[in-house]
N, C-alpha and C. Protein backbone atom coordinates (compact mmCIF):
# COMPACT_ATOMS: atom_id res chain seq x y z
N UNK A 1 128.94 -0.21 -40.69
CA UNK A 1 128.56 -1.16 -39.69
C UNK A 1 127.48 -0.58 -38.78
N UNK A 2 127.56 0.69 -38.47
CA UNK A 2 126.55 1.31 -37.63
C UNK A 2 125.24 1.42 -38.40
N UNK A 3 125.29 1.66 -39.68
CA UNK A 3 124.07 1.83 -40.46
C UNK A 3 123.20 0.57 -40.45
N UNK A 4 123.74 -0.68 -40.65
CA UNK A 4 122.86 -1.86 -40.58
C UNK A 4 122.27 -2.05 -39.18
N UNK A 5 123.05 -1.77 -38.13
CA UNK A 5 122.53 -1.91 -36.77
C UNK A 5 121.42 -0.90 -36.51
N UNK A 6 121.58 0.31 -37.04
CA UNK A 6 120.56 1.36 -36.89
C UNK A 6 119.27 0.96 -37.61
N UNK A 7 119.42 0.37 -38.79
CA UNK A 7 118.24 -0.07 -39.55
C UNK A 7 117.53 -1.20 -38.80
N UNK A 8 118.28 -2.16 -38.23
CA UNK A 8 117.68 -3.27 -37.48
C UNK A 8 116.95 -2.75 -36.25
N UNK A 9 117.55 -1.81 -35.51
CA UNK A 9 116.90 -1.23 -34.33
C UNK A 9 115.64 -0.48 -34.73
N UNK A 10 115.70 0.27 -35.83
CA UNK A 10 114.53 1.02 -36.29
C UNK A 10 113.41 0.08 -36.72
N UNK A 11 113.77 -1.00 -37.42
CA UNK A 11 112.76 -1.99 -37.83
C UNK A 11 112.15 -2.69 -36.61
N UNK A 12 112.96 -3.03 -35.62
CA UNK A 12 112.44 -3.67 -34.41
C UNK A 12 111.51 -2.74 -33.65
N UNK A 13 111.85 -1.47 -33.57
CA UNK A 13 110.98 -0.50 -32.89
C UNK A 13 109.67 -0.33 -33.63
N UNK A 14 109.73 -0.30 -34.97
CA UNK A 14 108.52 -0.16 -35.77
C UNK A 14 107.63 -1.39 -35.62
N UNK A 15 108.24 -2.58 -35.59
CA UNK A 15 107.47 -3.81 -35.42
C UNK A 15 106.81 -3.86 -34.04
N UNK A 16 107.53 -3.42 -33.02
CA UNK A 16 106.97 -3.40 -31.67
C UNK A 16 105.82 -2.41 -31.59
N UNK A 17 105.97 -1.26 -32.25
CA UNK A 17 104.91 -0.24 -32.24
C UNK A 17 103.68 -0.75 -32.98
N UNK A 18 103.87 -1.46 -34.08
CA UNK A 18 102.74 -1.98 -34.85
C UNK A 18 102.05 -3.11 -34.09
N UNK A 19 102.76 -3.86 -33.25
CA UNK A 19 102.19 -4.97 -32.50
C UNK A 19 101.36 -4.53 -31.31
N UNK A 20 101.60 -3.34 -30.80
CA UNK A 20 100.83 -2.89 -29.63
C UNK A 20 99.55 -2.22 -30.08
N UNK A 21 98.49 -2.56 -29.41
CA UNK A 21 97.22 -1.92 -29.69
C UNK A 21 96.77 -1.19 -28.44
N UNK A 22 96.12 -0.10 -28.63
CA UNK A 22 95.64 0.65 -27.49
C UNK A 22 94.25 0.14 -27.10
N UNK A 23 94.05 -0.01 -25.81
CA UNK A 23 92.75 -0.48 -25.32
C UNK A 23 91.74 0.65 -25.45
N UNK A 24 90.50 0.31 -25.77
CA UNK A 24 89.49 1.36 -25.85
C UNK A 24 89.30 2.00 -24.48
N UNK A 25 88.99 3.27 -24.44
CA UNK A 25 88.83 3.92 -23.14
C UNK A 25 87.65 3.33 -22.37
N UNK A 26 87.84 3.16 -21.07
CA UNK A 26 86.79 2.60 -20.22
C UNK A 26 85.68 3.63 -20.05
N UNK A 27 84.43 3.18 -20.18
CA UNK A 27 83.33 4.12 -19.99
C UNK A 27 83.35 4.60 -18.54
N UNK A 28 83.07 5.87 -18.31
CA UNK A 28 83.22 6.40 -16.96
C UNK A 28 82.24 5.81 -15.95
N UNK A 29 80.98 5.63 -16.30
CA UNK A 29 79.99 5.11 -15.37
C UNK A 29 79.02 4.19 -16.12
N UNK A 30 78.53 3.18 -15.43
CA UNK A 30 77.52 2.28 -15.97
C UNK A 30 76.30 2.34 -15.06
N UNK A 31 75.12 2.55 -15.64
CA UNK A 31 73.88 2.58 -14.87
C UNK A 31 73.18 1.25 -15.06
N UNK A 32 72.90 0.55 -13.96
CA UNK A 32 72.19 -0.72 -14.00
C UNK A 32 70.93 -0.61 -13.16
N UNK A 33 69.83 -1.14 -13.68
CA UNK A 33 68.56 -1.14 -12.96
C UNK A 33 68.33 -2.54 -12.40
N UNK A 34 67.58 -2.59 -11.30
CA UNK A 34 67.33 -3.87 -10.63
C UNK A 34 65.87 -3.94 -10.20
N UNK A 35 65.21 -5.04 -10.55
CA UNK A 35 63.90 -5.36 -10.02
C UNK A 35 64.14 -6.25 -8.80
N UNK A 36 63.60 -5.87 -7.65
CA UNK A 36 63.91 -6.58 -6.41
C UNK A 36 62.70 -7.37 -5.91
N UNK A 37 63.00 -8.50 -5.29
CA UNK A 37 62.01 -9.29 -4.58
C UNK A 37 62.54 -9.45 -3.16
N UNK A 38 62.20 -8.51 -2.26
CA UNK A 38 62.72 -8.59 -0.89
C UNK A 38 61.87 -9.51 -0.02
N UNK A 39 62.49 -10.15 0.95
CA UNK A 39 61.79 -10.96 1.95
C UNK A 39 62.46 -10.69 3.29
N UNK A 40 61.67 -10.34 4.30
CA UNK A 40 62.21 -10.06 5.63
C UNK A 40 61.41 -10.83 6.66
N UNK A 41 62.03 -11.18 7.77
CA UNK A 41 61.30 -11.87 8.82
C UNK A 41 60.71 -10.89 9.82
N UNK A 42 61.06 -9.62 9.75
CA UNK A 42 60.51 -8.65 10.69
C UNK A 42 59.01 -8.53 10.48
N UNK A 43 58.26 -8.75 11.52
CA UNK A 43 56.81 -8.67 11.48
C UNK A 43 56.23 -9.52 10.35
N UNK A 44 56.94 -10.57 9.99
CA UNK A 44 56.47 -11.57 9.04
C UNK A 44 56.26 -11.05 7.63
N UNK A 45 57.09 -10.14 7.18
CA UNK A 45 57.04 -9.73 5.77
C UNK A 45 57.67 -10.86 4.97
N UNK A 46 56.92 -11.47 4.10
CA UNK A 46 57.44 -12.62 3.36
C UNK A 46 57.48 -12.39 1.87
N UNK A 47 57.49 -11.18 1.45
CA UNK A 47 57.58 -10.89 0.03
C UNK A 47 57.63 -9.40 -0.16
N UNK A 48 57.46 -8.99 -1.35
CA UNK A 48 57.48 -7.57 -1.64
C UNK A 48 57.96 -7.35 -3.05
N UNK A 49 58.09 -6.11 -3.38
CA UNK A 49 58.56 -5.72 -4.70
C UNK A 49 59.34 -4.44 -4.55
N UNK A 50 60.42 -4.35 -5.27
CA UNK A 50 61.25 -3.15 -5.18
C UNK A 50 61.93 -2.86 -6.49
N UNK A 51 62.53 -1.70 -6.54
CA UNK A 51 63.28 -1.27 -7.70
C UNK A 51 64.55 -0.61 -7.20
N UNK A 52 65.65 -0.91 -7.84
CA UNK A 52 66.92 -0.31 -7.45
C UNK A 52 67.72 0.11 -8.66
N UNK A 53 68.64 1.01 -8.44
CA UNK A 53 69.59 1.42 -9.47
C UNK A 53 70.98 1.42 -8.86
N UNK A 54 71.96 1.15 -9.68
CA UNK A 54 73.36 1.18 -9.26
C UNK A 54 74.14 1.94 -10.32
N UNK A 55 74.78 3.00 -9.92
CA UNK A 55 75.65 3.78 -10.78
C UNK A 55 77.06 3.30 -10.50
N UNK A 56 77.62 2.54 -11.44
CA UNK A 56 78.83 1.77 -11.19
C UNK A 56 80.00 2.25 -12.01
N UNK A 57 81.16 2.28 -11.36
CA UNK A 57 82.43 2.56 -12.05
C UNK A 57 83.46 1.60 -11.45
N UNK A 58 83.94 0.69 -12.28
CA UNK A 58 84.87 -0.31 -11.78
C UNK A 58 84.17 -1.21 -10.78
N UNK A 59 84.85 -1.56 -9.68
CA UNK A 59 84.22 -2.46 -8.71
C UNK A 59 83.29 -1.75 -7.72
N UNK A 60 83.21 -0.41 -7.74
CA UNK A 60 82.40 0.34 -6.78
C UNK A 60 81.14 0.89 -7.44
N UNK A 61 80.08 1.05 -6.64
CA UNK A 61 78.82 1.59 -7.16
C UNK A 61 78.12 2.41 -6.09
N UNK A 62 77.35 3.38 -6.55
CA UNK A 62 76.41 4.12 -5.70
C UNK A 62 75.04 3.49 -5.93
N UNK A 63 74.37 3.12 -4.86
CA UNK A 63 73.11 2.38 -4.95
C UNK A 63 71.96 3.20 -4.39
N UNK A 64 70.78 3.02 -4.97
CA UNK A 64 69.53 3.59 -4.44
C UNK A 64 68.44 2.57 -4.70
N UNK A 65 67.46 2.51 -3.78
CA UNK A 65 66.39 1.54 -3.94
C UNK A 65 65.12 2.02 -3.24
N UNK A 66 64.00 1.45 -3.64
CA UNK A 66 62.70 1.68 -3.00
C UNK A 66 61.94 0.36 -3.02
N UNK A 67 61.22 0.05 -1.93
CA UNK A 67 60.54 -1.23 -1.82
C UNK A 67 59.15 -1.05 -1.21
N UNK A 68 58.22 -1.91 -1.62
CA UNK A 68 56.91 -2.06 -0.98
C UNK A 68 56.93 -3.43 -0.32
N UNK A 69 56.66 -3.46 0.98
CA UNK A 69 56.74 -4.70 1.75
C UNK A 69 55.37 -5.02 2.35
N UNK A 70 54.60 -5.91 1.75
CA UNK A 70 53.30 -6.23 2.32
C UNK A 70 53.47 -7.04 3.60
N UNK A 71 52.89 -6.56 4.70
CA UNK A 71 52.95 -7.28 5.96
C UNK A 71 51.77 -8.26 5.95
N UNK A 72 52.07 -9.54 5.82
CA UNK A 72 51.00 -10.51 5.59
C UNK A 72 50.50 -11.17 6.87
N UNK A 73 51.32 -11.27 7.89
CA UNK A 73 50.87 -11.78 9.18
C UNK A 73 51.29 -10.73 10.20
N UNK A 74 50.34 -10.07 10.82
CA UNK A 74 50.66 -8.90 11.63
C UNK A 74 50.39 -9.16 13.10
N UNK A 75 51.09 -8.39 13.94
CA UNK A 75 50.84 -8.44 15.37
C UNK A 75 49.71 -7.49 15.76
N UNK A 76 49.68 -6.30 15.16
CA UNK A 76 48.64 -5.35 15.55
C UNK A 76 47.96 -4.65 14.39
N UNK A 77 48.62 -4.51 13.23
CA UNK A 77 47.99 -3.83 12.11
C UNK A 77 48.57 -4.35 10.81
N UNK A 78 47.69 -4.78 9.92
CA UNK A 78 48.14 -5.24 8.61
C UNK A 78 48.26 -4.06 7.66
N UNK A 79 48.81 -4.34 6.51
CA UNK A 79 48.95 -3.31 5.50
C UNK A 79 50.39 -3.22 5.04
N UNK A 80 50.61 -2.50 3.96
CA UNK A 80 51.97 -2.44 3.42
C UNK A 80 52.88 -1.54 4.24
N UNK A 81 54.13 -1.91 4.22
CA UNK A 81 55.19 -1.07 4.76
C UNK A 81 56.05 -0.66 3.57
N UNK A 82 56.83 0.38 3.74
CA UNK A 82 57.65 0.90 2.65
C UNK A 82 59.08 1.08 3.15
N UNK A 83 60.02 0.92 2.25
CA UNK A 83 61.42 1.13 2.57
C UNK A 83 62.10 1.81 1.41
N UNK A 84 63.07 2.64 1.71
CA UNK A 84 63.90 3.29 0.69
C UNK A 84 65.30 3.40 1.26
N UNK A 85 66.29 3.40 0.40
CA UNK A 85 67.65 3.50 0.89
C UNK A 85 68.63 3.98 -0.16
N UNK A 86 69.75 4.47 0.32
CA UNK A 86 70.88 4.85 -0.52
C UNK A 86 72.15 4.32 0.13
N UNK A 87 73.17 4.07 -0.67
CA UNK A 87 74.41 3.57 -0.12
C UNK A 87 75.45 3.30 -1.18
N UNK A 88 76.43 2.52 -0.80
CA UNK A 88 77.54 2.17 -1.69
C UNK A 88 77.69 0.65 -1.69
N UNK A 89 78.24 0.13 -2.78
CA UNK A 89 78.51 -1.30 -2.86
C UNK A 89 79.84 -1.52 -3.58
N UNK A 90 80.38 -2.70 -3.36
CA UNK A 90 81.64 -3.09 -4.01
C UNK A 90 81.51 -4.51 -4.49
N UNK A 91 82.08 -4.77 -5.66
CA UNK A 91 82.10 -6.11 -6.23
C UNK A 91 83.53 -6.46 -6.62
N UNK A 92 84.30 -7.03 -5.68
CA UNK A 92 85.65 -7.44 -6.05
C UNK A 92 85.61 -8.56 -7.08
N UNK A 93 86.58 -8.58 -7.96
CA UNK A 93 86.60 -9.60 -9.00
C UNK A 93 85.54 -9.37 -10.04
N UNK A 94 85.31 -8.12 -10.39
CA UNK A 94 84.21 -7.73 -11.28
C UNK A 94 84.32 -8.35 -12.67
N UNK A 95 85.49 -8.76 -13.12
CA UNK A 95 85.65 -9.29 -14.46
C UNK A 95 85.01 -10.65 -14.68
N UNK A 96 84.66 -11.34 -13.61
CA UNK A 96 84.07 -12.68 -13.74
C UNK A 96 82.56 -12.59 -13.87
N UNK A 97 81.94 -13.67 -14.30
CA UNK A 97 80.47 -13.69 -14.41
C UNK A 97 79.81 -13.71 -13.04
N UNK A 98 80.32 -14.51 -12.11
CA UNK A 98 79.77 -14.58 -10.76
C UNK A 98 80.74 -13.85 -9.83
N UNK A 99 80.24 -12.82 -9.16
CA UNK A 99 81.10 -12.01 -8.29
C UNK A 99 80.45 -11.84 -6.93
N UNK A 100 81.28 -11.75 -5.87
CA UNK A 100 80.72 -11.40 -4.57
C UNK A 100 80.30 -9.93 -4.58
N UNK A 101 79.34 -9.59 -3.75
CA UNK A 101 78.85 -8.21 -3.68
C UNK A 101 78.67 -7.84 -2.22
N UNK A 102 79.22 -6.70 -1.83
CA UNK A 102 79.10 -6.19 -0.48
C UNK A 102 78.53 -4.78 -0.57
N UNK A 103 77.56 -4.47 0.30
CA UNK A 103 76.93 -3.15 0.25
C UNK A 103 76.66 -2.66 1.65
N UNK A 104 76.57 -1.34 1.78
CA UNK A 104 76.17 -0.70 3.02
C UNK A 104 75.19 0.40 2.65
N UNK A 105 73.93 0.24 3.09
CA UNK A 105 72.87 1.20 2.76
C UNK A 105 72.34 1.83 4.04
N UNK A 106 71.95 3.07 3.93
CA UNK A 106 71.17 3.74 4.96
C UNK A 106 69.74 3.69 4.47
N UNK A 107 68.86 3.08 5.25
CA UNK A 107 67.48 2.87 4.82
C UNK A 107 66.51 3.59 5.74
N UNK A 108 65.32 3.82 5.21
CA UNK A 108 64.24 4.42 5.99
C UNK A 108 63.01 3.55 5.80
N UNK A 109 62.48 3.02 6.89
CA UNK A 109 61.31 2.16 6.87
C UNK A 109 60.12 2.93 7.43
N UNK A 110 58.95 2.70 6.86
CA UNK A 110 57.73 3.29 7.39
C UNK A 110 56.57 2.32 7.25
N UNK A 111 55.71 2.29 8.26
CA UNK A 111 54.50 1.47 8.25
C UNK A 111 53.34 2.39 8.63
N UNK A 112 52.59 2.89 7.63
CA UNK A 112 51.51 3.83 7.92
C UNK A 112 50.43 3.25 8.84
N UNK A 113 50.16 1.94 8.73
CA UNK A 113 49.13 1.34 9.58
C UNK A 113 49.49 1.39 11.05
N UNK A 114 50.77 1.29 11.37
CA UNK A 114 51.23 1.36 12.76
C UNK A 114 51.71 2.76 13.14
N UNK A 115 51.67 3.70 12.20
CA UNK A 115 52.17 5.07 12.42
C UNK A 115 53.60 5.04 12.93
N UNK A 116 54.43 4.20 12.31
CA UNK A 116 55.82 4.08 12.72
C UNK A 116 56.74 4.27 11.53
N UNK A 117 57.86 4.87 11.80
CA UNK A 117 58.92 4.97 10.79
C UNK A 117 60.24 5.08 11.54
N UNK A 118 61.29 4.61 10.89
CA UNK A 118 62.61 4.67 11.52
C UNK A 118 63.71 4.48 10.48
N UNK A 119 64.86 5.10 10.71
CA UNK A 119 66.03 4.85 9.85
C UNK A 119 66.79 3.62 10.34
N UNK A 120 67.52 3.02 9.44
CA UNK A 120 68.33 1.84 9.78
C UNK A 120 69.58 1.82 8.91
N UNK A 121 70.58 1.15 9.38
CA UNK A 121 71.80 0.89 8.61
C UNK A 121 71.75 -0.58 8.21
N UNK A 122 71.95 -0.86 6.93
CA UNK A 122 71.77 -2.22 6.41
C UNK A 122 73.01 -2.71 5.67
N UNK A 123 73.89 -3.44 6.35
CA UNK A 123 74.98 -4.10 5.61
C UNK A 123 74.43 -5.31 4.87
N UNK A 124 75.04 -5.60 3.72
CA UNK A 124 74.61 -6.70 2.87
C UNK A 124 75.81 -7.46 2.33
N UNK A 125 75.61 -8.73 2.10
CA UNK A 125 76.62 -9.56 1.44
C UNK A 125 75.88 -10.54 0.55
N UNK A 126 76.41 -10.76 -0.64
CA UNK A 126 75.76 -11.69 -1.55
C UNK A 126 76.58 -11.96 -2.78
N UNK A 127 75.92 -12.48 -3.78
CA UNK A 127 76.57 -12.77 -5.06
C UNK A 127 75.72 -12.19 -6.18
N UNK A 128 76.41 -11.87 -7.27
CA UNK A 128 75.71 -11.38 -8.46
C UNK A 128 76.27 -12.12 -9.66
N UNK A 129 75.37 -12.62 -10.49
CA UNK A 129 75.75 -13.31 -11.73
C UNK A 129 75.27 -12.46 -12.88
N UNK A 130 76.21 -11.97 -13.67
CA UNK A 130 75.89 -11.15 -14.84
C UNK A 130 76.27 -11.90 -16.10
N UNK A 131 75.39 -11.86 -17.07
CA UNK A 131 75.67 -12.41 -18.38
C UNK A 131 75.29 -11.33 -19.38
N UNK A 132 76.28 -10.65 -19.91
CA UNK A 132 76.02 -9.52 -20.79
C UNK A 132 75.48 -8.35 -19.98
N UNK A 133 74.33 -7.84 -20.36
CA UNK A 133 73.75 -6.69 -19.66
C UNK A 133 72.68 -7.07 -18.65
N UNK A 134 72.44 -8.36 -18.43
CA UNK A 134 71.42 -8.77 -17.47
C UNK A 134 72.01 -9.78 -16.50
N UNK A 135 71.28 -10.03 -15.41
CA UNK A 135 71.77 -10.98 -14.43
C UNK A 135 70.84 -11.08 -13.24
N UNK A 136 71.26 -11.87 -12.25
CA UNK A 136 70.51 -12.03 -11.01
C UNK A 136 71.46 -11.87 -9.84
N UNK A 137 70.90 -11.54 -8.69
CA UNK A 137 71.70 -11.42 -7.48
C UNK A 137 70.90 -11.92 -6.29
N UNK A 138 71.59 -12.29 -5.23
CA UNK A 138 70.98 -12.68 -3.98
C UNK A 138 71.83 -12.10 -2.86
N UNK A 139 71.21 -11.25 -2.03
CA UNK A 139 71.91 -10.59 -0.93
C UNK A 139 71.26 -10.94 0.39
N UNK A 140 72.08 -11.23 1.40
CA UNK A 140 71.61 -11.37 2.77
C UNK A 140 71.74 -9.99 3.42
N UNK A 141 70.71 -9.58 4.14
CA UNK A 141 70.63 -8.23 4.71
C UNK A 141 70.44 -8.35 6.22
N UNK A 142 71.03 -7.44 6.96
CA UNK A 142 70.79 -7.34 8.40
C UNK A 142 70.64 -5.85 8.71
N UNK A 143 69.41 -5.39 8.96
CA UNK A 143 69.13 -3.97 9.17
C UNK A 143 69.13 -3.65 10.66
N UNK A 144 69.96 -2.67 11.04
CA UNK A 144 70.08 -2.26 12.44
C UNK A 144 69.42 -0.89 12.62
N UNK A 145 68.65 -0.75 13.69
CA UNK A 145 68.01 0.53 14.02
C UNK A 145 68.12 0.74 15.53
N UNK A 146 67.53 1.82 16.02
CA UNK A 146 67.54 2.08 17.46
C UNK A 146 66.81 0.94 18.18
N UNK A 147 67.26 0.55 19.39
CA UNK A 147 66.68 -0.60 20.08
C UNK A 147 65.17 -0.51 20.30
N UNK A 148 64.61 0.68 20.50
CA UNK A 148 63.18 0.77 20.78
C UNK A 148 62.32 0.39 19.59
N UNK A 149 62.89 0.34 18.39
CA UNK A 149 62.13 -0.10 17.22
C UNK A 149 61.93 -1.62 17.18
N UNK A 150 62.65 -2.34 18.03
CA UNK A 150 62.56 -3.79 18.04
C UNK A 150 61.75 -4.32 19.22
N UNK A 151 61.14 -3.42 20.00
CA UNK A 151 60.34 -3.85 21.14
C UNK A 151 58.98 -4.35 20.66
N UNK A 152 58.24 -5.01 21.52
CA UNK A 152 56.92 -5.52 21.20
C UNK A 152 56.03 -4.38 20.73
N UNK A 153 55.32 -4.60 19.64
CA UNK A 153 54.44 -3.56 19.09
C UNK A 153 55.10 -2.73 18.02
N UNK A 154 56.41 -2.79 17.88
CA UNK A 154 57.10 -2.03 16.84
C UNK A 154 57.07 -2.76 15.52
N UNK A 155 57.17 -2.01 14.43
CA UNK A 155 57.17 -2.62 13.10
C UNK A 155 58.31 -3.61 12.95
N UNK A 156 59.46 -3.33 13.54
CA UNK A 156 60.62 -4.20 13.39
C UNK A 156 60.64 -5.31 14.42
N UNK A 157 59.58 -5.42 15.24
CA UNK A 157 59.53 -6.51 16.21
C UNK A 157 59.69 -7.83 15.46
N UNK A 158 60.54 -8.66 15.97
CA UNK A 158 60.98 -9.81 15.22
C UNK A 158 60.96 -11.06 16.08
N UNK A 159 60.52 -12.15 15.51
CA UNK A 159 60.45 -13.40 16.27
C UNK A 159 61.76 -14.19 16.21
N UNK A 160 62.70 -13.81 15.36
CA UNK A 160 63.95 -14.55 15.22
C UNK A 160 65.08 -13.84 15.97
N UNK A 161 65.28 -12.57 15.69
CA UNK A 161 66.29 -11.77 16.38
C UNK A 161 65.59 -10.62 17.09
N UNK A 162 66.09 -10.23 18.23
CA UNK A 162 65.46 -9.12 18.95
C UNK A 162 66.25 -7.83 18.80
N UNK A 163 67.26 -7.79 17.95
CA UNK A 163 68.11 -6.60 17.84
C UNK A 163 68.36 -6.15 16.41
N UNK A 164 67.83 -6.86 15.42
CA UNK A 164 68.04 -6.48 14.02
C UNK A 164 67.00 -7.17 13.15
N UNK A 165 66.78 -6.64 11.94
CA UNK A 165 65.87 -7.25 10.98
C UNK A 165 66.67 -8.00 9.93
N UNK A 166 66.64 -9.32 9.93
CA UNK A 166 67.30 -10.06 8.84
C UNK A 166 66.40 -10.10 7.61
N UNK A 167 67.02 -10.28 6.48
CA UNK A 167 66.24 -10.36 5.24
C UNK A 167 67.06 -10.89 4.09
N UNK A 168 66.38 -11.18 3.01
CA UNK A 168 67.00 -11.58 1.75
C UNK A 168 66.44 -10.68 0.65
N UNK A 169 67.28 -10.31 -0.29
CA UNK A 169 66.84 -9.54 -1.44
C UNK A 169 67.34 -10.25 -2.69
N UNK A 170 66.40 -10.74 -3.50
CA UNK A 170 66.75 -11.31 -4.79
C UNK A 170 66.57 -10.21 -5.82
N UNK A 171 67.53 -10.05 -6.70
CA UNK A 171 67.45 -9.01 -7.70
C UNK A 171 67.56 -9.55 -9.11
N UNK A 172 66.85 -8.93 -10.01
CA UNK A 172 66.96 -9.22 -11.44
C UNK A 172 67.50 -7.94 -12.08
N UNK A 173 68.70 -8.00 -12.61
CA UNK A 173 69.39 -6.82 -13.14
C UNK A 173 69.19 -6.72 -14.64
N UNK A 174 69.02 -5.52 -15.13
CA UNK A 174 68.91 -5.29 -16.57
C UNK A 174 69.50 -3.95 -16.92
């Protein structure tokens, strides 16, 4: 009587073992590149071009970027401005095609024509739509710097806000 029960238990265990499959190991890091089209209202920057990379593992990523921001309507000096930054981002709900994206970057802005440069902290919130290995994103940015950078004559002088530089960054990911 014990022998048939032992055979049934052994067969059930073997069937359960055969039914389970092991998931492939998750790749440790994913590198994604981004072509950026930034737009800021500070000193009337209305376009630009940038490049970014995100080294991502799960919902978190380390981000780096560089941008050229042509100042098209100037208060005292025209010419391009430049920005670069590093930071971290998170994308909760990463398994979906459209995901929210939150980032915090430390950026450095410089405008050679005005002989000005300053660091800023830039929180961001937006969405990213990925389809396979490519996608698009749109982030709202608010860059904070020392108050004297927002006074009249400063590169960050702004006609909308007097304490921060708002902006939008559209990204094309590949």
